N, C-alpha and C. Protein backbone atom coordinates (compact mmCIF):
# COMPACT_ATOMS: atom_id res chain seq x y z
N MET A 1 12.31 -0.11 5.29
CA MET A 1 11.17 -0.14 4.42
C MET A 1 11.54 0.51 3.08
N PHE A 2 11.04 0.00 2.00
CA PHE A 2 11.30 0.46 0.63
C PHE A 2 12.74 0.22 0.19
N ASP A 3 13.43 -0.72 0.86
CA ASP A 3 14.79 -1.06 0.43
C ASP A 3 14.85 -2.47 -0.14
N ASN A 4 13.72 -2.90 -0.69
CA ASN A 4 13.58 -4.23 -1.29
C ASN A 4 13.41 -4.08 -2.81
N PRO A 5 13.24 -5.17 -3.57
CA PRO A 5 13.03 -5.04 -5.02
C PRO A 5 11.85 -4.12 -5.34
N ARG A 6 12.00 -3.34 -6.40
CA ARG A 6 10.99 -2.35 -6.77
C ARG A 6 10.37 -2.71 -8.12
N TYR A 7 9.05 -2.59 -8.16
CA TYR A 7 8.30 -2.91 -9.37
C TYR A 7 7.34 -1.78 -9.69
N LEU A 8 6.87 -1.76 -10.92
CA LEU A 8 5.83 -0.82 -11.31
C LEU A 8 4.86 -1.52 -12.23
N THR A 9 3.65 -1.00 -12.26
CA THR A 9 2.61 -1.61 -13.08
C THR A 9 2.73 -1.14 -14.53
N ARG A 10 2.01 -1.82 -15.39
CA ARG A 10 1.98 -1.44 -16.80
C ARG A 10 1.48 -0.01 -16.96
N GLY A 11 0.47 0.37 -16.17
CA GLY A 11 -0.07 1.73 -16.25
C GLY A 11 0.97 2.79 -15.98
N VAL A 12 1.78 2.59 -14.95
CA VAL A 12 2.86 3.54 -14.64
C VAL A 12 3.88 3.53 -15.77
N HIS A 13 4.26 2.36 -16.23
CA HIS A 13 5.24 2.23 -17.31
C HIS A 13 4.78 2.98 -18.56
N GLU A 14 3.51 2.91 -18.88
CA GLU A 14 2.99 3.50 -20.11
C GLU A 14 2.66 4.98 -20.00
N THR A 15 2.42 5.51 -18.79
CA THR A 15 1.96 6.90 -18.68
C THR A 15 2.89 7.85 -17.94
N ILE A 16 3.81 7.32 -17.15
CA ILE A 16 4.70 8.17 -16.35
C ILE A 16 6.11 8.09 -16.92
N PRO A 17 6.68 9.22 -17.35
CA PRO A 17 8.04 9.19 -17.90
C PRO A 17 9.06 8.60 -16.90
N LEU A 18 10.04 7.90 -17.44
CA LEU A 18 11.04 7.23 -16.61
C LEU A 18 11.71 8.20 -15.62
N GLU A 19 12.06 9.40 -16.07
CA GLU A 19 12.71 10.36 -15.18
C GLU A 19 11.83 10.69 -13.99
N LEU A 20 10.53 10.78 -14.22
CA LEU A 20 9.59 11.08 -13.14
C LEU A 20 9.45 9.88 -12.20
N GLN A 21 9.42 8.68 -12.76
CA GLN A 21 9.38 7.47 -11.92
C GLN A 21 10.58 7.45 -10.97
N LEU A 22 11.75 7.70 -11.51
CA LEU A 22 12.97 7.70 -10.70
C LEU A 22 12.93 8.78 -9.64
N PHE A 23 12.38 9.95 -10.00
CA PHE A 23 12.26 11.03 -9.02
C PHE A 23 11.34 10.63 -7.87
N LEU A 24 10.24 9.95 -8.16
CA LEU A 24 9.31 9.53 -7.10
C LEU A 24 9.97 8.53 -6.16
N TRP A 25 10.73 7.58 -6.71
CA TRP A 25 11.47 6.64 -5.84
C TRP A 25 12.47 7.41 -4.97
N GLU A 26 13.13 8.40 -5.55
CA GLU A 26 14.10 9.20 -4.81
C GLU A 26 13.42 9.98 -3.68
N CYS A 27 12.21 10.46 -3.92
CA CYS A 27 11.45 11.16 -2.88
C CYS A 27 11.24 10.25 -1.67
N ILE A 28 10.91 9.01 -1.92
CA ILE A 28 10.72 8.05 -0.84
C ILE A 28 12.05 7.77 -0.12
N ASP A 29 13.11 7.60 -0.90
CA ASP A 29 14.42 7.32 -0.31
C ASP A 29 14.89 8.44 0.62
N ARG A 30 14.52 9.66 0.32
CA ARG A 30 14.97 10.82 1.10
C ARG A 30 14.06 11.16 2.28
N MET A 31 12.97 10.44 2.43
CA MET A 31 12.05 10.69 3.55
C MET A 31 12.71 10.33 4.87
N PRO A 32 12.32 11.05 5.92
CA PRO A 32 12.81 10.66 7.25
C PRO A 32 12.17 9.34 7.70
N GLN A 33 12.85 8.65 8.58
CA GLN A 33 12.33 7.42 9.17
C GLN A 33 11.49 7.78 10.38
N PRO A 34 10.51 7.04 10.78
CA PRO A 34 9.95 5.88 10.09
C PRO A 34 9.07 6.31 8.93
N ARG A 35 8.84 5.36 8.01
CA ARG A 35 8.04 5.62 6.82
C ARG A 35 6.80 4.74 6.83
N ASP A 36 5.72 5.29 6.32
CA ASP A 36 4.49 4.52 6.14
C ASP A 36 4.68 3.58 4.95
N TYR A 37 4.08 2.42 5.01
CA TYR A 37 4.18 1.45 3.91
C TYR A 37 3.41 1.92 2.67
N PHE A 38 2.56 2.94 2.82
CA PHE A 38 1.68 3.40 1.73
C PHE A 38 1.99 4.87 1.45
N GLN A 39 2.61 5.14 0.29
CA GLN A 39 2.96 6.50 -0.11
C GLN A 39 2.04 6.96 -1.23
N ILE A 40 1.69 8.24 -1.22
CA ILE A 40 0.77 8.80 -2.20
C ILE A 40 1.45 9.97 -2.91
N PHE A 41 1.34 9.98 -4.25
CA PHE A 41 1.85 11.07 -5.06
C PHE A 41 0.71 11.59 -5.94
N GLU A 42 0.46 12.89 -5.86
CA GLU A 42 -0.53 13.52 -6.74
C GLU A 42 0.24 14.41 -7.70
N LEU A 43 0.11 14.12 -8.98
CA LEU A 43 0.85 14.83 -10.02
C LEU A 43 -0.11 15.72 -10.80
N ASN A 44 0.29 16.97 -11.01
CA ASN A 44 -0.53 17.92 -11.77
C ASN A 44 0.34 18.84 -12.59
N ASP A 45 -0.25 19.38 -13.64
CA ASP A 45 0.39 20.39 -14.48
C ASP A 45 -0.08 21.75 -13.99
N ILE A 46 0.85 22.55 -13.46
CA ILE A 46 0.52 23.90 -13.01
C ILE A 46 1.41 24.87 -13.74
N ASP A 47 0.81 25.62 -14.66
CA ASP A 47 1.54 26.62 -15.45
C ASP A 47 2.78 26.06 -16.13
N GLY A 48 2.66 24.87 -16.71
CA GLY A 48 3.78 24.25 -17.41
C GLY A 48 4.82 23.62 -16.51
N MET A 49 4.54 23.55 -15.22
CA MET A 49 5.45 22.92 -14.26
C MET A 49 4.82 21.62 -13.78
N GLN A 50 5.67 20.64 -13.52
CA GLN A 50 5.18 19.40 -12.92
C GLN A 50 5.08 19.63 -11.42
N HIS A 51 3.86 19.63 -10.90
CA HIS A 51 3.65 19.78 -9.47
C HIS A 51 3.42 18.40 -8.88
N ILE A 52 4.14 18.09 -7.81
CA ILE A 52 4.04 16.79 -7.14
C ILE A 52 3.77 17.03 -5.66
N VAL A 53 2.71 16.42 -5.16
CA VAL A 53 2.43 16.43 -3.73
C VAL A 53 2.64 15.00 -3.24
N HIS A 54 3.62 14.82 -2.38
CA HIS A 54 3.97 13.52 -1.82
C HIS A 54 3.45 13.49 -0.39
N SER A 55 2.65 12.47 -0.05
CA SER A 55 2.10 12.40 1.30
C SER A 55 2.01 10.96 1.79
N SER A 56 1.88 10.84 3.11
CA SER A 56 1.60 9.56 3.77
C SER A 56 0.87 9.87 5.06
N GLU A 57 0.24 8.84 5.64
CA GLU A 57 -0.60 9.07 6.81
C GLU A 57 0.09 8.82 8.15
N GLN A 58 0.87 7.73 8.27
CA GLN A 58 1.49 7.37 9.54
C GLN A 58 2.97 7.12 9.37
N PRO A 59 3.84 7.96 9.81
CA PRO A 59 3.55 9.26 10.39
C PRO A 59 3.10 10.23 9.30
N GLU A 60 2.39 11.24 9.69
CA GLU A 60 1.89 12.22 8.73
C GLU A 60 3.06 12.93 8.06
N TYR A 61 2.96 13.01 6.73
CA TYR A 61 4.06 13.59 5.94
C TYR A 61 3.47 14.22 4.69
N THR A 62 3.94 15.42 4.35
CA THR A 62 3.56 16.07 3.10
C THR A 62 4.74 16.89 2.60
N MET A 63 5.02 16.75 1.30
CA MET A 63 6.08 17.53 0.67
C MET A 63 5.61 17.91 -0.72
N ASN A 64 5.88 19.15 -1.12
CA ASN A 64 5.51 19.66 -2.45
C ASN A 64 6.77 19.88 -3.27
N TYR A 65 6.68 19.52 -4.54
CA TYR A 65 7.78 19.74 -5.48
C TYR A 65 7.23 20.39 -6.74
N PHE A 66 8.02 21.27 -7.34
CA PHE A 66 7.72 21.86 -8.64
C PHE A 66 8.94 21.60 -9.52
N ILE A 67 8.71 20.95 -10.66
CA ILE A 67 9.80 20.61 -11.57
C ILE A 67 9.49 21.20 -12.95
N PRO A 68 10.43 21.95 -13.52
CA PRO A 68 10.20 22.46 -14.88
C PRO A 68 10.21 21.30 -15.87
N THR A 69 9.23 21.27 -16.76
CA THR A 69 9.14 20.20 -17.75
C THR A 69 8.31 20.66 -18.93
N LEU A 70 8.48 20.00 -20.05
CA LEU A 70 7.66 20.28 -21.22
C LEU A 70 6.45 19.37 -21.28
N ASN A 71 6.49 18.26 -20.56
CA ASN A 71 5.41 17.27 -20.62
C ASN A 71 4.92 16.89 -19.23
N ALA A 72 4.27 17.82 -18.56
CA ALA A 72 3.75 17.53 -17.22
C ALA A 72 2.63 16.50 -17.30
N VAL A 73 2.54 15.67 -16.27
CA VAL A 73 1.58 14.58 -16.20
C VAL A 73 0.59 14.85 -15.07
N SER A 74 -0.67 14.48 -15.28
CA SER A 74 -1.66 14.54 -14.21
C SER A 74 -2.05 13.10 -13.87
N ALA A 75 -1.79 12.69 -12.63
CA ALA A 75 -2.09 11.32 -12.21
C ALA A 75 -1.98 11.24 -10.69
N LYS A 76 -2.59 10.20 -10.15
CA LYS A 76 -2.41 9.88 -8.73
C LYS A 76 -1.73 8.52 -8.68
N ILE A 77 -0.64 8.47 -7.93
CA ILE A 77 0.19 7.26 -7.88
C ILE A 77 0.34 6.81 -6.43
N TYR A 78 0.23 5.50 -6.24
CA TYR A 78 0.48 4.90 -4.94
C TYR A 78 1.77 4.09 -5.03
N VAL A 79 2.54 4.08 -3.95
CA VAL A 79 3.69 3.20 -3.83
C VAL A 79 3.50 2.43 -2.52
N ILE A 80 3.46 1.11 -2.64
CA ILE A 80 3.14 0.25 -1.50
C ILE A 80 4.30 -0.70 -1.23
N ASP A 81 4.72 -0.75 0.02
CA ASP A 81 5.78 -1.67 0.44
C ASP A 81 5.14 -2.87 1.14
N SER A 82 5.39 -4.07 0.63
CA SER A 82 4.82 -5.28 1.22
C SER A 82 5.82 -6.02 2.10
N LYS A 83 6.97 -5.43 2.33
CA LYS A 83 8.11 -6.00 3.06
C LYS A 83 8.95 -6.94 2.19
N GLU A 84 8.35 -7.57 1.17
CA GLU A 84 9.10 -8.40 0.23
C GLU A 84 9.49 -7.62 -1.01
N TYR A 85 8.64 -6.68 -1.43
CA TYR A 85 8.88 -5.85 -2.60
C TYR A 85 8.04 -4.59 -2.49
N SER A 86 8.38 -3.58 -3.31
CA SER A 86 7.63 -2.33 -3.37
C SER A 86 7.06 -2.18 -4.77
N THR A 87 5.84 -1.69 -4.84
CA THR A 87 5.16 -1.54 -6.13
C THR A 87 4.64 -0.13 -6.31
N MET A 88 4.92 0.45 -7.48
CA MET A 88 4.39 1.75 -7.87
C MET A 88 3.24 1.50 -8.84
N LEU A 89 2.06 2.06 -8.55
CA LEU A 89 0.90 1.84 -9.39
C LEU A 89 0.04 3.08 -9.47
N LEU A 90 -0.71 3.20 -10.55
CA LEU A 90 -1.68 4.28 -10.68
C LEU A 90 -2.82 4.01 -9.72
N ALA A 91 -3.44 5.05 -9.19
CA ALA A 91 -4.53 4.89 -8.23
C ALA A 91 -5.65 4.04 -8.80
N GLU A 92 -5.95 4.19 -10.09
CA GLU A 92 -7.03 3.40 -10.70
C GLU A 92 -6.67 1.92 -10.86
N GLU A 93 -5.42 1.56 -10.66
CA GLU A 93 -5.00 0.16 -10.72
C GLU A 93 -5.06 -0.51 -9.35
N TYR A 94 -5.36 0.24 -8.32
CA TYR A 94 -5.37 -0.28 -6.95
C TYR A 94 -6.56 -1.18 -6.72
């Protein structure tokens, strides 16, 4: 799962820095197997740090990351694997 072509929506392209997009894909790649087809990332600015909460429901998974940055982003992002391709999108685009 998540080893197929990867796409992102216009919203992600326009609001999420490329380095952060790549980091989110890497978070999925490093997850233990099995993986849920629906991944959730909650991004927040906490004291000038990029805080990321990565979660999924089946199997239950939660991981927290803090990344030093000058431009922290606040957003909720979904990554969905359809078996043919994976798509990263903002929650409001779902």
